[in-house]
Structures are given as structure tokens and as C-alpha cells.
Amino acid sequence: MKALLVVDVQNGFVGGNLAVANSHTIIPTINRLIAHFDTVILTQDYHPADHISFYQNHDGKAPFDTIELPYGTQVLWNAHCVQGTSDALFHADLQADKAQLIIRKGYHRHIDSYSAFMEADRVTKTGLAGYLHERGIDSVYVVGIATDFCVAWTAIDAVAFGFDCTVITDATAPIDINGSLDKAMADMTAVGVKFINSKDILNQ
């Protein structure tokens, strides 16, 4: 059994407060994939306004600066996907109605959360692995934003939780700062994540 994990296709990343270049161009491909899968799960970045990952909440800091937190190095982002704002909503072009589950992440003020499975402290689980196991799903396909952060962390954790994991590369969009895309691709490859093009699935 397989599932499609659609990561963070939200206004905040598609032209919004943390816009990822060309991210709007992957939405039609994601929609075709959604139609192809029986089980579809969405993730939604969902931060409080005082979230620790926002540079605005740290005096003298700028976007993409880093700070050290108890769980490690944290990149500081422009405030984005704040709860209750349009920035946090799924993009209107995304065919979200078919989703059976929405995983909200990043809502704990002191912990950032990239992965759909586990928050950045590497302790706090979202419950997604248990949901998938109980549904009899053993293979996950990951698409969405951004390739080198939330998609990569989700894919790596999927393998750690025992799932066969494939990233559909033309249905993702990277931020790619300071070599982050190359590092993410290497990290995913190292744990056994596979990579395909959407046509490899849609033409089956």
C-alpha cells in the first residue's frame, strides 16, 4: 500500500512571506499525482506569531542567520505561515479536498518542525508513522515545498520509521541556500531515499 505526502503547499511558500522560487509551477503536477493516489496526506506549517524560528523574534538577527537551540542549529526565517492568517492556508490551486489527513507542524513555540513525522527536537512525534502503519501503508511518495528542508526531513524520517520512500523530484521546489539542496540530496541518498519523475508514476 502506498500514500502520497504533500508537504507545505501553502500561500506562505507560494508567493507569500517565505516565497520559494518557481514553487507555483509544481502545483499542476502535484494535482495530477493527487488524482493518482488513493491515500493522500497534507502537511501544513502552522506557527504561532512568536515562534522561535522567526528572525523578527531575535534582536539583531536577519533572515537565514542561525542560532543555537537545545536541539541544535536553527535557521532563522522570515515570519511565515502564522496561525489564522492567509499565509498559512493551502494554496487555492492545490486540489486539497482528497486529503484524508492534515498534519500541522511548527505550532510548538520553542521547536521548529520540518518533518511530517517528527519535530526538530527529534523527540516529539506527530503521529503520522502510527497512522500510516495502522492503514497498512508501507511505501510513501513525497512532494511539495521545500525540497531541501521539509521534503528532505520528511523523506529521511520516513525511512527511519520503516517506510520505503520515494521523492518525486519534479513535484518539489527547493530554497537552495548555502548549498542546502546538494546537502539534502546527499543526505536523502545516504539513507536510501529513491528519486523519480512524476511521469514514471503517471504513465504506469
C-alpha atoms as a PDB file:
ATOM      1  CA  MET A   1       0.000   0.000   0.000  1.00  0.00           C
ATOM      2  CA  LYS A   2       1.259   3.457  -0.863  1.00  0.00           C
ATOM      3  CA  ALA A   3       0.490   7.037   0.154  1.00  0.00           C
ATOM      4  CA  LEU A   4       1.286  10.479  -1.231  1.00  0.00           C
ATOM      5  CA  LEU A   5       2.633  13.016   1.271  1.00  0.00           C
ATOM      6  CA  VAL A   6       2.111  16.592   0.031  1.00  0.00           C
ATOM      7  CA  VAL A   7       4.376  18.900   2.019  1.00  0.00           C
ATOM      8  CA  ASP A   8       3.509  22.542   2.768  1.00  0.00           C
ATOM      9  CA  VAL A   9       1.865  23.712  -0.480  1.00  0.00           C
ATOM     10  CA  GLN A  10       0.728  26.885   1.277  1.00  0.00           C
ATOM     11  CA  ASN A  11       0.410  30.544   0.429  1.00  0.00           C
ATOM     12  CA  GLY A  12       3.393  31.342   2.635  1.00  0.00           C
ATOM     13  CA  PHE A  13       5.730  29.385   0.375  1.00  0.00           C
ATOM     14  CA  VAL A  14       3.977  30.114  -2.921  1.00  0.00           C
ATOM     15  CA  GLY A  15       4.404  33.855  -3.336  1.00  0.00           C
ATOM     16  CA  GLY A  16       3.923  34.617   0.350  1.00  0.00           C
ATOM     17  CA  ASN A  17       6.083  35.591   3.304  1.00  0.00           C
ATOM     18  CA  LEU A  18       8.656  32.845   2.671  1.00  0.00           C
ATOM     19  CA  ALA A  19       8.218  32.515  -1.067  1.00  0.00           C
ATOM     20  CA  VAL A  20      10.139  29.689  -2.741  1.00  0.00           C
ATOM     21  CA  ALA A  21      11.135  30.442  -6.342  1.00  0.00           C
ATOM     22  CA  ASN A  22       9.031  28.706  -9.003  1.00  0.00           C
ATOM     23  CA  SER A  23       7.020  26.801  -6.393  1.00  0.00           C
ATOM     24  CA  HIS A  24       3.748  27.655  -8.151  1.00  0.00           C
ATOM     25  CA  THR A  25       4.904  25.688 -11.204  1.00  0.00           C
ATOM     26  CA  ILE A  26       4.806  22.334  -9.378  1.00  0.00           C
ATOM     27  CA  ILE A  27       1.161  22.567  -8.272  1.00  0.00           C
ATOM     28  CA  PRO A  28      -0.360  21.181 -11.506  1.00  0.00           C
ATOM     29  CA  THR A  29       1.976  18.178 -11.280  1.00  0.00           C
ATOM     30  CA  ILE A  30       1.067  17.648  -7.631  1.00  0.00           C
ATOM     31  CA  ASN A  31      -2.621  17.764  -8.536  1.00  0.00           C
ATOM     32  CA  ARG A  32      -2.144  15.060 -11.179  1.00  0.00           C
ATOM     33  CA  LEU A  33      -0.386  12.922  -8.581  1.00  0.00           C
ATOM     34  CA  ILE A  34      -3.133  13.508  -6.010  1.00  0.00           C
ATOM     35  CA  ALA A  35      -5.656  12.162  -8.527  1.00  0.00           C
ATOM     36  CA  HIS A  36      -3.469   9.069  -8.991  1.00  0.00           C
ATOM     37  CA  PHE A  37      -3.187   8.071  -5.303  1.00  0.00           C
ATOM     38  CA  ASP A  38      -5.885   6.555  -3.083  1.00  0.00           C
ATOM     39  CA  THR A  39      -4.289   7.841   0.141  1.00  0.00           C
ATOM     40  CA  VAL A  40      -3.235  11.500   0.262  1.00  0.00           C
ATOM     41  CA  ILE A  41      -1.883  13.312   3.331  1.00  0.00           C
ATOM     42  CA  LEU A  42      -1.097  17.028   3.524  1.00  0.00           C
ATOM     43  CA  THR A  43       1.261  18.805   5.886  1.00  0.00           C
ATOM     44  CA  GLN A  44       0.641  22.389   6.972  1.00  0.00           C
ATOM     45  CA  ASP A  45       3.245  24.672   8.500  1.00  0.00           C
ATOM     46  CA  TYR A  46       1.316  26.351  11.327  1.00  0.00           C
ATOM     47  CA  HIS A  47       3.326  28.696  13.525  1.00  0.00           C
ATOM     48  CA  PRO A  48       2.379  30.968  16.417  1.00  0.00           C
ATOM     49  CA  ALA A  49       3.425  34.576  15.792  1.00  0.00           C
ATOM     50  CA  ASP A  50       6.121  34.353  18.491  1.00  0.00           C
ATOM     51  CA  HIS A  51       7.733  31.225  17.033  1.00  0.00           C
ATOM     52  CA  ILE A  52      11.408  30.744  17.856  1.00  0.00           C
ATOM     53  CA  SER A  53      12.394  30.259  14.187  1.00  0.00           C
ATOM     54  CA  PHE A  54      11.327  33.774  13.117  1.00  0.00           C
ATOM     55  CA  TYR A  55      14.213  36.219  12.854  1.00  0.00           C
ATOM     56  CA  GLN A  56      11.836  39.014  13.940  1.00  0.00           C
ATOM     57  CA  ASN A  57      11.713  37.402  17.383  1.00  0.00           C
ATOM     58  CA  HIS A  58      15.506  37.778  17.879  1.00  0.00           C
ATOM     59  CA  ASP A  59      17.125  41.199  18.271  1.00  0.00           C
ATOM     60  CA  GLY A  60      19.780  41.984  15.682  1.00  0.00           C
ATOM     61  CA  LYS A  61      19.144  38.905  13.541  1.00  0.00           C
ATOM     62  CA  ALA A  62      18.403  38.701   9.811  1.00  0.00           C
ATOM     63  CA  PRO A  63      16.759  36.042   7.612  1.00  0.00           C
ATOM     64  CA  PHE A  64      18.900  32.897   7.196  1.00  0.00           C
ATOM     65  CA  ASP A  65      21.051  33.722  10.228  1.00  0.00           C
ATOM     66  CA  THR A  66      21.406  30.792  12.614  1.00  0.00           C
ATOM     67  CA  ILE A  67      21.096  30.404  16.360  1.00  0.00           C
ATOM     68  CA  GLU A  68      21.853  27.510  18.686  1.00  0.00           C
ATOM     69  CA  LEU A  69      18.920  25.894  20.447  1.00  0.00           C
ATOM     70  CA  PRO A  70      18.854  22.906  22.820  1.00  0.00           C
ATOM     71  CA  TYR A  71      18.243  20.606  19.836  1.00  0.00           C
ATOM     72  CA  GLY A  72      20.942  22.102  17.590  1.00  0.00           C
ATOM     73  CA  THR A  73      21.463  24.813  14.987  1.00  0.00           C
ATOM     74  CA  GLN A  74      18.308  26.630  13.909  1.00  0.00           C
ATOM     75  CA  VAL A  75      17.995  28.638  10.686  1.00  0.00           C
ATOM     76  CA  LEU A  76      16.037  31.853  11.223  1.00  0.00           C
ATOM     77  CA  TRP A  77      13.258  32.513   8.721  1.00  0.00           C
ATOM     78  CA  ASN A  78      11.083  35.455   7.846  1.00  0.00           C
ATOM     79  CA  ALA A  79       7.808  35.105   9.795  1.00  0.00           C
ATOM     80  CA  HIS A  80       5.571  32.822   7.753  1.00  0.00           C
ATOM     81  CA  CYS A  81       2.515  30.554   7.888  1.00  0.00           C
ATOM     82  CA  VAL A  82       1.287  32.194  11.091  1.00  0.00           C
ATOM     83  CA  GLN A  83      -1.812  30.573  12.551  1.00  0.00           C
ATOM     84  CA  GLY A  84      -5.046  32.215  11.475  1.00  0.00           C
ATOM     85  CA  THR A  85      -3.516  34.167   8.566  1.00  0.00           C
ATOM     86  CA  SER A  86      -3.986  33.657   4.835  1.00  0.00           C
ATOM     87  CA  ASP A  87      -0.241  32.928   4.630  1.00  0.00           C
ATOM     88  CA  ALA A  88      -0.873  29.622   6.420  1.00  0.00           C
ATOM     89  CA  LEU A  89      -3.679  28.461   4.124  1.00  0.00           C
ATOM     90  CA  PHE A  90      -3.216  25.850   1.434  1.00  0.00           C
ATOM     91  CA  HIS A  91      -2.732  27.450  -1.973  1.00  0.00           C
ATOM     92  CA  ALA A  92      -6.059  27.857  -3.774  1.00  0.00           C
ATOM     93  CA  ASP A  93      -4.809  25.904  -6.813  1.00  0.00           C
ATOM     94  CA  LEU A  94      -3.978  22.831  -4.734  1.00  0.00           C
ATOM     95  CA  GLN A  95      -6.642  20.135  -5.012  1.00  0.00           C
ATOM     96  CA  ALA A  96      -6.678  19.550  -1.272  1.00  0.00           C
ATOM     97  CA  ASP A  97     -10.158  18.053  -0.945  1.00  0.00           C
ATOM     98  CA  LYS A  98      -8.968  14.479  -1.488  1.00  0.00           C
ATOM     99  CA  ALA A  99      -6.651  14.544   1.540  1.00  0.00           C
ATOM    100  CA  GLN A 100      -7.608  12.126   4.300  1.00  0.00           C
ATOM    101  CA  LEU A 101      -5.307  13.661   6.916  1.00  0.00           C
ATOM    102  CA  ILE A 102      -3.694  17.042   7.548  1.00  0.00           C
ATOM    103  CA  ILE A 103      -0.597  17.105   9.762  1.00  0.00           C
ATOM    104  CA  ARG A 104       0.006  20.538  11.289  1.00  0.00           C
ATOM    105  CA  LYS A 105       3.585  21.210  12.310  1.00  0.00           C
ATOM    106  CA  GLY A 106       5.583  24.016  13.847  1.00  0.00           C
ATOM    107  CA  TYR A 107       2.847  25.013  16.279  1.00  0.00           C
ATOM    108  CA  HIS A 108       5.040  24.499  19.378  1.00  0.00           C
ATOM    109  CA  ARG A 109       6.618  27.901  20.053  1.00  0.00           C
ATOM    110  CA  HIS A 110      10.062  26.644  21.111  1.00  0.00           C
ATOM    111  CA  ILE A 111      10.581  23.909  18.488  1.00  0.00           C
ATOM    112  CA  ASP A 112      10.766  24.200  14.720  1.00  0.00           C
ATOM    113  CA  SER A 113       9.333  21.371  12.662  1.00  0.00           C
ATOM    114  CA  TYR A 114      10.334  20.459   9.125  1.00  0.00           C
ATOM    115  CA  SER A 115       9.431  16.782   9.014  1.00  0.00           C
ATOM    116  CA  ALA A 116       5.918  15.377   8.743  1.00  0.00           C
ATOM    117  CA  PHE A 117       6.953  12.639  11.189  1.00  0.00           C
ATOM    118  CA  MET A 118       8.930  14.333  13.964  1.00  0.00           C
ATOM    119  CA  GLU A 119       9.720  17.832  15.172  1.00  0.00           C
ATOM    120  CA  ALA A 120      13.206  19.293  15.119  1.00  0.00           C
ATOM    121  CA  ASP A 121      13.952  18.253  18.697  1.00  0.00           C
ATOM    122  CA  ARG A 122      13.945  14.690  17.267  1.00  0.00           C
ATOM    123  CA  VAL A 123      11.756  13.569  20.168  1.00  0.00           C
ATOM    124  CA  THR A 124       8.255  14.975  19.592  1.00  0.00           C
ATOM    125  CA  LYS A 125       6.385  12.748  17.132  1.00  0.00           C
ATOM    126  CA  THR A 126       3.437  13.917  15.008  1.00  0.00           C
ATOM    127  CA  GLY A 127       1.688  10.531  14.978  1.00  0.00           C
ATOM    128  CA  LEU A 128       1.949  10.176  11.196  1.00  0.00           C
ATOM    129  CA  ALA A 129       4.009   6.974  11.335  1.00  0.00           C
ATOM    130  CA  GLY A 130       1.409   5.282  13.519  1.00  0.00           C
ATOM    131  CA  TYR A 131      -1.404   6.417  11.234  1.00  0.00           C
ATOM    132  CA  LEU A 132       0.352   5.016   8.160  1.00  0.00           C
ATOM    133  CA  HIS A 133       1.246   1.726   9.853  1.00  0.00           C
ATOM    134  CA  GLU A 134      -2.334   1.239  11.026  1.00  0.00           C
ATOM    135  CA  ARG A 135      -3.569   1.881   7.489  1.00  0.00           C
ATOM    136  CA  GLY A 136      -1.250  -0.827   6.167  1.00  0.00           C
ATOM    137  CA  ILE A 137       0.846   1.633   4.169  1.00  0.00           C
ATOM    138  CA  ASP A 138       4.466   0.652   3.627  1.00  0.00           C
ATOM    139  CA  SER A 139       5.528   2.995   0.783  1.00  0.00           C
ATOM    140  CA  VAL A 140       5.370   6.798   0.775  1.00  0.00           C
ATOM    141  CA  TYR A 141       5.920   9.227  -2.070  1.00  0.00           C
ATOM    142  CA  VAL A 142       6.880  12.777  -1.061  1.00  0.00           C
ATOM    143  CA  VAL A 143       6.218  16.005  -2.987  1.00  0.00           C
ATOM    144  CA  GLY A 144       5.975  19.687  -2.087  1.00  0.00           C
ATOM    145  CA  ILE A 145       7.999  22.537  -0.610  1.00  0.00           C
ATOM    146  CA  ALA A 146      10.854  22.892   0.030  1.00  0.00           C
ATOM    147  CA  THR A 147      12.961  20.069  -1.402  1.00  0.00           C
ATOM    148  CA  ASP A 148      15.958  20.798   0.811  1.00  0.00           C
ATOM    149  CA  PHE A 149      14.113  21.332   4.091  1.00  0.00           C
ATOM    150  CA  CYS A 150      10.635  19.976   4.841  1.00  0.00           C
ATOM    151  CA  VAL A 151      10.587  17.490   1.945  1.00  0.00           C
ATOM    152  CA  ALA A 152      14.066  16.150   2.756  1.00  0.00           C
ATOM    153  CA  TRP A 153      13.461  15.871   6.502  1.00  0.00           C
ATOM    154  CA  THR A 154      10.147  14.122   5.841  1.00  0.00           C
ATOM    155  CA  ALA A 155      11.762  11.659   3.425  1.00  0.00           C
ATOM    156  CA  ILE A 156      14.668  10.864   5.742  1.00  0.00           C
ATOM    157  CA  ASP A 157      12.310  10.304   8.673  1.00  0.00           C
ATOM    158  CA  ALA A 158      10.044   8.123   6.535  1.00  0.00           C
ATOM    159  CA  VAL A 159      12.956   5.730   6.048  1.00  0.00           C
ATOM    160  CA  ALA A 160      13.824   5.893   9.754  1.00  0.00           C
ATOM    161  CA  PHE A 161      10.250   4.873  10.606  1.00  0.00           C
ATOM    162  CA  GLY A 162      10.470   1.866   8.305  1.00  0.00           C
ATOM    163  CA  PHE A 163       8.798   3.090   5.122  1.00  0.00           C
ATOM    164  CA  ASP A 164      10.007   2.685   1.564  1.00  0.00           C
ATOM    165  CA  CYS A 165      10.345   6.332   0.466  1.00  0.00           C
ATOM    166  CA  THR A 166      10.497   7.986  -2.950  1.00  0.00           C
ATOM    167  CA  VAL A 167      10.748  11.723  -3.685  1.00  0.00           C
ATOM    168  CA  ILE A 168       9.084  12.813  -6.933  1.00  0.00           C
ATOM    169  CA  THR A 169      11.633  15.431  -7.916  1.00  0.00           C
ATOM    170  CA  ASP A 170       9.679  17.454 -10.489  1.00  0.00           C
ATOM    171  CA  ALA A 171       6.890  17.909  -7.919  1.00  0.00           C
ATOM    172  CA  THR A 172       9.204  19.637  -5.419  1.00  0.00           C
ATOM    173  CA  ALA A 173      10.765  23.123  -5.247  1.00  0.00           C
ATOM    174  CA  PRO A 174      13.984  23.983  -3.348  1.00  0.00           C
ATOM    175  CA  ILE A 175      15.077  27.052  -1.397  1.00  0.00           C
ATOM    176  CA  ASP A 176      18.761  26.188  -2.027  1.00  0.00           C
ATOM    177  CA  ILE A 177      20.679  28.469   0.323  1.00  0.00           C
ATOM    178  CA  ASN A 178      24.363  27.893   1.107  1.00  0.00           C
ATOM    179  CA  GLY A 179      24.444  24.530  -0.668  1.00  0.00           C
ATOM    180  CA  SER A 180      21.371  23.236   1.150  1.00  0.00           C
ATOM    181  CA  LEU A 181      19.953  21.401  -1.890  1.00  0.00           C
ATOM    182  CA  ASP A 182      23.115  19.412  -2.622  1.00  0.00           C
ATOM    183  CA  LYS A 183      23.425  18.503   1.052  1.00  0.00           C
ATOM    184  CA  ALA A 184      19.785  17.436   1.274  1.00  0.00           C
ATOM    185  CA  MET A 185      20.044  15.277  -1.836  1.00  0.00           C
ATOM    186  CA  ALA A 186      23.172  13.619  -0.462  1.00  0.00           C
ATOM    187  CA  ASP A 187      21.584  13.069   2.955  1.00  0.00           C
ATOM    188  CA  MET A 188      18.473  11.521   1.409  1.00  0.00           C
ATOM    189  CA  THR A 189      20.507   9.287  -0.904  1.00  0.00           C
ATOM    190  CA  ALA A 190      22.662   8.122   2.012  1.00  0.00           C
ATOM    191  CA  VAL A 191      19.679   6.635   3.875  1.00  0.00           C
ATOM    192  CA  GLY A 192      18.109   5.011   0.822  1.00  0.00           C
ATOM    193  CA  VAL A 193      15.519   7.531  -0.371  1.00  0.00           C
ATOM    194  CA  LYS A 194      14.758   6.982  -4.063  1.00  0.00           C
ATOM    195  CA  PHE A 195      14.100   9.654  -6.689  1.00  0.00           C
ATOM    196  CA  ILE A 196      11.786   9.537  -9.695  1.00  0.00           C
ATOM    197  CA  ASN A 197       9.987  11.841 -12.108  1.00  0.00           C
ATOM    198  CA  SER A 198       6.223  12.216 -11.993  1.00  0.00           C
ATOM    199  CA  LYS A 199       5.839  10.655 -15.432  1.00  0.00           C
ATOM    200  CA  ASP A 200       7.333   7.438 -14.038  1.00  0.00           C
ATOM    201  CA  ILE A 201       4.175   7.099 -11.904  1.00  0.00           C
ATOM    202  CA  LEU A 202       1.545   8.807 -14.023  1.00  0.00           C
ATOM    203  CA  ASN A 203       2.396   6.747 -17.112  1.00  0.00           C
ATOM    204  CA  GLN A 204       2.227   3.407 -15.317  1.00  0.00           C
END
